[in-house]
Amino acid sequence: VLFAAAGTAGQRCTTLRRLLVHEKIYDKFVPSLVAAYKQIKPGNPLVEGTLLGPVHNTGAVAEFENGIAEIKRQGGKILVGGSRIDPSELKDKGLENGHYVWPTLVESNNDMPIVKEELFVPITHILKVKSFEEAVDINNNTPFGLSSAIFTDSMRDTFRWLGPKGSYCGIINVNCGCSGAEIGGAFGGEKETGAGRES
């Protein structure tokens, strides 16, 4: 989950944008994820072991900052991150002129319009759900449909997720993150995603 959301600084078409967490594990899972986020260190993406590099330009920084402002306006709660990284924290690595922002987790609700927008920066909305059916409904209730993933130990839910009444995405994963695709094979999205099969 951490890599899917924060890897490549959120600049991947398959980056984790919405994380749906069942209410039974929410209070245990979310603090653990926040703690993991607090261990992320920015660095040079050309150096092995670096998880967090910069966003690509000042426009991306503006997209991040405007997105955070809009999230707050719509009632989202920033759990971790939510700001540009102070250049003084990057100076010892020679990266103070880079466009670095903190990967951000937001406690959101599905009524917030921004939850259905694709910001190409490291912002992930966490949504609490009561059931598998609610999760599928929220997953599919967006104009986008490139990639999705489910983490479960239920074979029944696995096949429901993969089936015709499950995730409406071009790439559907089970027990692995949604970021990435097998470049050697054909893949595509649904609905308004890129050159999706319906767009």
C-alpha atoms as a PDB file:
ATOM      1  CA  VAL A   1       0.000   0.000   0.000  1.00  0.00           C
ATOM      2  CA  LEU A   2       2.773   2.426   0.917  1.00  0.00           C
ATOM      3  CA  PHE A   3       4.645   1.998  -2.368  1.00  0.00           C
ATOM      4  CA  ALA A   4       1.435   2.091  -4.419  1.00  0.00           C
ATOM      5  CA  ALA A   5       0.529   5.435  -2.848  1.00  0.00           C
ATOM      6  CA  ALA A   6       3.866   7.188  -2.318  1.00  0.00           C
ATOM      7  CA  GLY A   7       6.245   5.566  -4.812  1.00  0.00           C
ATOM      8  CA  THR A   8       7.265   7.788  -7.734  1.00  0.00           C
ATOM      9  CA  ALA A   9       5.827  10.686  -5.697  1.00  0.00           C
ATOM     10  CA  GLY A  10       2.309   9.835  -6.848  1.00  0.00           C
ATOM     11  CA  GLN A  11       3.175  10.454 -10.504  1.00  0.00           C
ATOM     12  CA  ARG A  12       2.082   7.170 -11.973  1.00  0.00           C
ATOM     13  CA  CYS A  13      -1.200   6.585 -13.738  1.00  0.00           C
ATOM     14  CA  THR A  14      -1.795   3.574 -11.491  1.00  0.00           C
ATOM     15  CA  THR A  15      -0.890   5.337  -8.214  1.00  0.00           C
ATOM     16  CA  LEU A  16      -3.184   4.536  -5.293  1.00  0.00           C
ATOM     17  CA  ARG A  17      -5.560   7.523  -5.062  1.00  0.00           C
ATOM     18  CA  ARG A  18      -8.340   6.060  -2.888  1.00  0.00           C
ATOM     19  CA  LEU A  19      -7.847   3.486  -0.148  1.00  0.00           C
ATOM     20  CA  LEU A  20     -11.047   1.810   1.042  1.00  0.00           C
ATOM     21  CA  VAL A  21     -10.626   0.248   4.484  1.00  0.00           C
ATOM     22  CA  HIS A  22     -13.216  -1.955   6.201  1.00  0.00           C
ATOM     23  CA  GLU A  23     -14.457  -0.517   9.476  1.00  0.00           C
ATOM     24  CA  LYS A  24     -13.414  -3.690  11.348  1.00  0.00           C
ATOM     25  CA  ILE A  25      -9.711  -3.013  10.730  1.00  0.00           C
ATOM     26  CA  TYR A  26      -9.767   0.753  10.185  1.00  0.00           C
ATOM     27  CA  ASP A  27      -8.686   1.800  13.695  1.00  0.00           C
ATOM     28  CA  LYS A  28      -5.730  -0.598  13.658  1.00  0.00           C
ATOM     29  CA  PHE A  29      -4.672  -0.297  10.019  1.00  0.00           C
ATOM     30  CA  VAL A  30      -4.747   3.481   9.534  1.00  0.00           C
ATOM     31  CA  PRO A  31      -2.437   4.408  12.461  1.00  0.00           C
ATOM     32  CA  SER A  32       0.034   1.757  11.254  1.00  0.00           C
ATOM     33  CA  LEU A  33       0.010   3.247   7.764  1.00  0.00           C
ATOM     34  CA  VAL A  34       0.449   6.774   9.155  1.00  0.00           C
ATOM     35  CA  ALA A  35       3.451   5.540  11.171  1.00  0.00           C
ATOM     36  CA  ALA A  36       4.945   4.004   8.013  1.00  0.00           C
ATOM     37  CA  TYR A  37       4.440   7.290   6.134  1.00  0.00           C
ATOM     38  CA  LYS A  38       6.342   9.158   8.855  1.00  0.00           C
ATOM     39  CA  GLN A  39       9.408   7.023   8.098  1.00  0.00           C
ATOM     40  CA  ILE A  40       9.562   8.069   4.415  1.00  0.00           C
ATOM     41  CA  LYS A  41      12.696  10.047   3.640  1.00  0.00           C
ATOM     42  CA  PRO A  42      13.033  12.181   0.498  1.00  0.00           C
ATOM     43  CA  GLY A  43      16.051  11.607  -1.669  1.00  0.00           C
ATOM     44  CA  ASN A  44      17.589  11.451  -5.104  1.00  0.00           C
ATOM     45  CA  PRO A  45      15.528   8.993  -7.174  1.00  0.00           C
ATOM     46  CA  LEU A  46      18.694   7.903  -9.006  1.00  0.00           C
ATOM     47  CA  VAL A  47      20.100   6.550  -5.733  1.00  0.00           C
ATOM     48  CA  GLU A  48      19.141   2.955  -4.963  1.00  0.00           C
ATOM     49  CA  GLY A  49      16.775   2.625  -2.026  1.00  0.00           C
ATOM     50  CA  THR A  50      15.082   6.001  -2.513  1.00  0.00           C
ATOM     51  CA  LEU A  51      11.300   5.753  -2.270  1.00  0.00           C
ATOM     52  CA  LEU A  52      10.423   9.445  -2.475  1.00  0.00           C
ATOM     53  CA  GLY A  53      11.803  11.633  -5.221  1.00  0.00           C
ATOM     54  CA  PRO A  54      10.509  15.019  -6.396  1.00  0.00           C
ATOM     55  CA  VAL A  55       7.385  15.869  -8.308  1.00  0.00           C
ATOM     56  CA  HIS A  56       8.318  16.904 -11.828  1.00  0.00           C
ATOM     57  CA  ASN A  57       7.946  20.722 -11.793  1.00  0.00           C
ATOM     58  CA  THR A  58       6.511  23.817 -10.111  1.00  0.00           C
ATOM     59  CA  GLY A  59       3.147  23.103 -11.754  1.00  0.00           C
ATOM     60  CA  ALA A  60       2.983  19.789  -9.889  1.00  0.00           C
ATOM     61  CA  VAL A  61       3.823  21.527  -6.616  1.00  0.00           C
ATOM     62  CA  ALA A  62       0.981  23.968  -7.298  1.00  0.00           C
ATOM     63  CA  GLU A  63      -1.365  21.056  -8.093  1.00  0.00           C
ATOM     64  CA  PHE A  64      -0.397  19.482  -4.767  1.00  0.00           C
ATOM     65  CA  GLU A  65      -0.845  22.682  -2.739  1.00  0.00           C
ATOM     66  CA  ASN A  66      -4.139  23.585  -4.453  1.00  0.00           C
ATOM     67  CA  GLY A  67      -5.354  20.019  -3.939  1.00  0.00           C
ATOM     68  CA  ILE A  68      -4.560  20.138  -0.216  1.00  0.00           C
ATOM     69  CA  ALA A  69      -6.361  23.486   0.121  1.00  0.00           C
ATOM     70  CA  GLU A  70      -9.425  22.108  -1.667  1.00  0.00           C
ATOM     71  CA  ILE A  71      -9.396  18.926   0.413  1.00  0.00           C
ATOM     72  CA  LYS A  72      -9.433  21.013   3.592  1.00  0.00           C
ATOM     73  CA  ARG A  73     -12.204  23.216   2.194  1.00  0.00           C
ATOM     74  CA  GLN A  74     -14.305  20.116   1.487  1.00  0.00           C
ATOM     75  CA  GLY A  75     -13.798  18.746   5.001  1.00  0.00           C
ATOM     76  CA  GLY A  76     -10.935  16.284   4.545  1.00  0.00           C
ATOM     77  CA  LYS A  77      -8.653  15.628   7.504  1.00  0.00           C
ATOM     78  CA  ILE A  78      -4.911  15.486   6.814  1.00  0.00           C
ATOM     79  CA  LEU A  79      -3.491  12.515   8.733  1.00  0.00           C
ATOM     80  CA  VAL A  80       0.117  12.895   7.623  1.00  0.00           C
ATOM     81  CA  GLY A  81       1.940  15.062   5.088  1.00  0.00           C
ATOM     82  CA  GLY A  82       0.027  17.880   3.449  1.00  0.00           C
ATOM     83  CA  SER A  83       2.862  20.298   2.750  1.00  0.00           C
ATOM     84  CA  ARG A  84       5.886  21.000   0.626  1.00  0.00           C
ATOM     85  CA  ILE A  85       9.143  19.687   2.083  1.00  0.00           C
ATOM     86  CA  ASP A  86      11.212  22.520   3.533  1.00  0.00           C
ATOM     87  CA  PRO A  87      14.271  23.001   1.273  1.00  0.00           C
ATOM     88  CA  SER A  88      16.484  23.195   4.380  1.00  0.00           C
ATOM     89  CA  GLU A  89      15.699  19.511   5.018  1.00  0.00           C
ATOM     90  CA  LEU A  90      17.088  18.667   1.576  1.00  0.00           C
ATOM     91  CA  LYS A  91      20.204  20.835   1.575  1.00  0.00           C
ATOM     92  CA  ASP A  92      22.577  18.198   2.972  1.00  0.00           C
ATOM     93  CA  LYS A  93      21.656  15.970   0.004  1.00  0.00           C
ATOM     94  CA  GLY A  94      22.061  18.792  -2.516  1.00  0.00           C
ATOM     95  CA  LEU A  95      18.356  18.618  -3.360  1.00  0.00           C
ATOM     96  CA  GLU A  96      17.161  21.968  -1.997  1.00  0.00           C
ATOM     97  CA  ASN A  97      16.179  23.172  -5.481  1.00  0.00           C
ATOM     98  CA  GLY A  98      14.010  20.122  -6.133  1.00  0.00           C
ATOM     99  CA  HIS A  99      10.217  20.041  -6.131  1.00  0.00           C
ATOM    100  CA  TYR A 100       9.586  17.851  -3.085  1.00  0.00           C
ATOM    101  CA  VAL A 101       6.266  17.398  -1.295  1.00  0.00           C
ATOM    102  CA  TRP A 102       5.310  15.111   1.581  1.00  0.00           C
ATOM    103  CA  PRO A 103       3.202  12.090   0.614  1.00  0.00           C
ATOM    104  CA  THR A 104      -0.186  12.713   2.149  1.00  0.00           C
ATOM    105  CA  LEU A 105      -2.930  10.580   3.645  1.00  0.00           C
ATOM    106  CA  VAL A 106      -6.339  12.191   3.970  1.00  0.00           C
ATOM    107  CA  GLU A 107      -9.318  10.918   5.917  1.00  0.00           C
ATOM    108  CA  SER A 108     -12.088  11.654   3.446  1.00  0.00           C
ATOM    109  CA  ASN A 109     -15.661  10.741   2.684  1.00  0.00           C
ATOM    110  CA  ASN A 110     -17.040   9.778  -0.691  1.00  0.00           C
ATOM    111  CA  ASP A 111     -19.292  12.850  -0.819  1.00  0.00           C
ATOM    112  CA  MET A 112     -16.248  15.075  -1.322  1.00  0.00           C
ATOM    113  CA  PRO A 113     -16.025  15.880  -5.067  1.00  0.00           C
ATOM    114  CA  ILE A 114     -12.218  15.943  -4.956  1.00  0.00           C
ATOM    115  CA  VAL A 115     -12.177  12.232  -4.051  1.00  0.00           C
ATOM    116  CA  LYS A 116     -13.237  11.531  -7.642  1.00  0.00           C
ATOM    117  CA  GLU A 117     -10.586  13.790  -9.198  1.00  0.00           C
ATOM    118  CA  GLU A 118      -7.177  12.505 -10.258  1.00  0.00           C
ATOM    119  CA  LEU A 119      -4.457  14.660  -8.787  1.00  0.00           C
ATOM    120  CA  PHE A 120      -1.132  13.501 -10.235  1.00  0.00           C
ATOM    121  CA  VAL A 121       0.665  13.989  -6.909  1.00  0.00           C
ATOM    122  CA  PRO A 122       1.130  11.859  -3.759  1.00  0.00           C
ATOM    123  CA  ILE A 123      -2.264  12.370  -2.107  1.00  0.00           C
ATOM    124  CA  THR A 124      -4.284   9.328  -1.065  1.00  0.00           C
ATOM    125  CA  HIS A 125      -7.821   9.468   0.312  1.00  0.00           C
ATOM    126  CA  ILE A 126      -8.739   6.924   2.992  1.00  0.00           C
ATOM    127  CA  LEU A 127     -12.407   5.980   3.075  1.00  0.00           C
ATOM    128  CA  LYS A 128     -14.008   3.780   5.745  1.00  0.00           C
ATOM    129  CA  VAL A 129     -16.453   1.192   4.396  1.00  0.00           C
ATOM    130  CA  LYS A 130     -18.910  -1.153   6.108  1.00  0.00           C
ATOM    131  CA  SER A 131     -19.081  -3.924   3.531  1.00  0.00           C
ATOM    132  CA  PHE A 132     -17.586  -5.461   0.412  1.00  0.00           C
ATOM    133  CA  GLU A 133     -20.587  -4.203  -1.570  1.00  0.00           C
ATOM    134  CA  GLU A 134     -20.047  -0.623  -0.413  1.00  0.00           C
ATOM    135  CA  ALA A 135     -16.373  -0.866  -1.358  1.00  0.00           C
ATOM    136  CA  VAL A 136     -17.232  -2.063  -4.871  1.00  0.00           C
ATOM    137  CA  ASP A 137     -19.779   0.715  -5.274  1.00  0.00           C
ATOM    138  CA  ILE A 138     -17.291   3.395  -4.217  1.00  0.00           C
ATOM    139  CA  ASN A 139     -14.510   1.827  -6.318  1.00  0.00           C
ATOM    140  CA  ASN A 140     -16.662   1.950  -9.442  1.00  0.00           C
ATOM    141  CA  ASN A 141     -18.295   5.332  -8.766  1.00  0.00           C
ATOM    142  CA  THR A 142     -15.652   7.415 -10.522  1.00  0.00           C
ATOM    143  CA  PRO A 143     -15.057   8.458 -14.126  1.00  0.00           C
ATOM    144  CA  PHE A 144     -11.735   6.599 -14.061  1.00  0.00           C
ATOM    145  CA  GLY A 145     -11.055   2.889 -14.314  1.00  0.00           C
ATOM    146  CA  LEU A 146      -7.431   2.003 -14.956  1.00  0.00           C
ATOM    147  CA  SER A 147      -6.273  -0.024 -11.968  1.00  0.00           C
ATOM    148  CA  SER A 148      -7.607  -1.439  -8.719  1.00  0.00           C
ATOM    149  CA  ALA A 149      -6.578  -3.905  -6.040  1.00  0.00           C
ATOM    150  CA  ILE A 150      -8.112  -5.835  -3.169  1.00  0.00           C
ATOM    151  CA  PHE A 151      -6.349  -7.260  -0.126  1.00  0.00           C
ATOM    152  CA  THR A 152      -8.320 -10.162   1.295  1.00  0.00           C
ATOM    153  CA  ASP A 153      -8.050 -13.692   2.641  1.00  0.00           C
ATOM    154  CA  SER A 154     -11.491 -14.551   1.264  1.00  0.00           C
ATOM    155  CA  MET A 155     -11.589 -16.571  -1.952  1.00  0.00           C
ATOM    156  CA  ARG A 156     -15.263 -15.627  -2.285  1.00  0.00           C
ATOM    157  CA  ASP A 157     -14.468 -11.900  -2.231  1.00  0.00           C
ATOM    158  CA  THR A 158     -11.537 -12.441  -4.593  1.00  0.00           C
ATOM    159  CA  PHE A 159     -13.775 -13.940  -7.260  1.00  0.00           C
ATOM    160  CA  ARG A 160     -16.493 -11.366  -6.631  1.00  0.00           C
ATOM    161  CA  TRP A 161     -13.875  -8.588  -7.084  1.00  0.00           C
ATOM    162  CA  LEU A 162     -12.646 -10.131 -10.327  1.00  0.00           C
ATOM    163  CA  GLY A 163     -16.127 -10.963 -11.642  1.00  0.00           C
ATOM    164  CA  PRO A 164     -18.651  -8.971 -13.674  1.00  0.00           C
ATOM    165  CA  LYS A 165     -20.155  -7.317 -10.575  1.00  0.00           C
ATOM    166  CA  GLY A 166     -16.774  -6.463  -9.070  1.00  0.00           C
ATOM    167  CA  SER A 167     -14.124  -3.896  -9.901  1.00  0.00           C
ATOM    168  CA  TYR A 168     -14.782  -2.033 -13.148  1.00  0.00           C
ATOM    169  CA  CYS A 169     -11.158  -1.398 -14.097  1.00  0.00           C
ATOM    170  CA  GLY A 170      -8.814  -2.485 -16.839  1.00  0.00           C
ATOM    171  CA  ILE A 171      -6.189  -3.818 -14.394  1.00  0.00           C
ATOM    172  CA  ILE A 172      -7.495  -5.720 -11.377  1.00  0.00           C
ATOM    173  CA  ASN A 173      -5.087  -7.011  -8.736  1.00  0.00           C
ATOM    174  CA  VAL A 174      -5.468  -9.301  -5.738  1.00  0.00           C
ATOM    175  CA  ASN A 175      -3.214  -9.049  -2.676  1.00  0.00           C
ATOM    176  CA  CYS A 176      -0.745  -6.725  -4.374  1.00  0.00           C
ATOM    177  CA  GLY A 177      -0.785  -2.983  -4.945  1.00  0.00           C
ATOM    178  CA  CYS A 178      -2.484  -1.278  -7.857  1.00  0.00           C
ATOM    179  CA  SER A 179       0.567   0.668  -9.046  1.00  0.00           C
ATOM    180  CA  GLY A 180       2.168  -0.655 -12.175  1.00  0.00           C
ATOM    181  CA  ALA A 181       1.269  -2.947 -15.038  1.00  0.00           C
ATOM    182  CA  GLU A 182       2.946  -5.700 -16.977  1.00  0.00           C
ATOM    183  CA  ILE A 183       4.468  -3.633 -19.755  1.00  0.00           C
ATOM    184  CA  GLY A 184       5.108  -6.745 -21.828  1.00  0.00           C
ATOM    185  CA  GLY A 185       1.380  -7.347 -22.213  1.00  0.00           C
ATOM    186  CA  ALA A 186      -1.537  -5.305 -23.432  1.00  0.00           C
ATOM    187  CA  PHE A 187      -3.429  -3.335 -20.815  1.00  0.00           C
ATOM    188  CA  GLY A 188      -5.862  -0.472 -20.742  1.00  0.00           C
ATOM    189  CA  GLY A 189      -8.504   1.267 -18.699  1.00  0.00           C
ATOM    190  CA  GLU A 190     -12.243   1.562 -18.594  1.00  0.00           C
ATOM    191  CA  LYS A 191     -14.487   4.626 -18.776  1.00  0.00           C
ATOM    192  CA  GLU A 192     -12.529   7.900 -19.141  1.00  0.00           C
ATOM    193  CA  THR A 193      -9.087   6.459 -18.450  1.00  0.00           C
ATOM    194  CA  GLY A 194      -6.606   7.349 -21.183  1.00  0.00           C
ATOM    195  CA  ALA A 195      -7.446   5.508 -24.374  1.00  0.00           C
ATOM    196  CA  GLY A 196      -9.755   3.265 -22.383  1.00  0.00           C
ATOM    197  CA  ARG A 197     -11.843   0.655 -24.052  1.00  0.00           C
ATOM    198  CA  GLU A 198     -14.903   2.887 -23.739  1.00  0.00           C
ATOM    199  CA  SER A 199     -13.328   6.305 -24.370  1.00  0.00           C
END
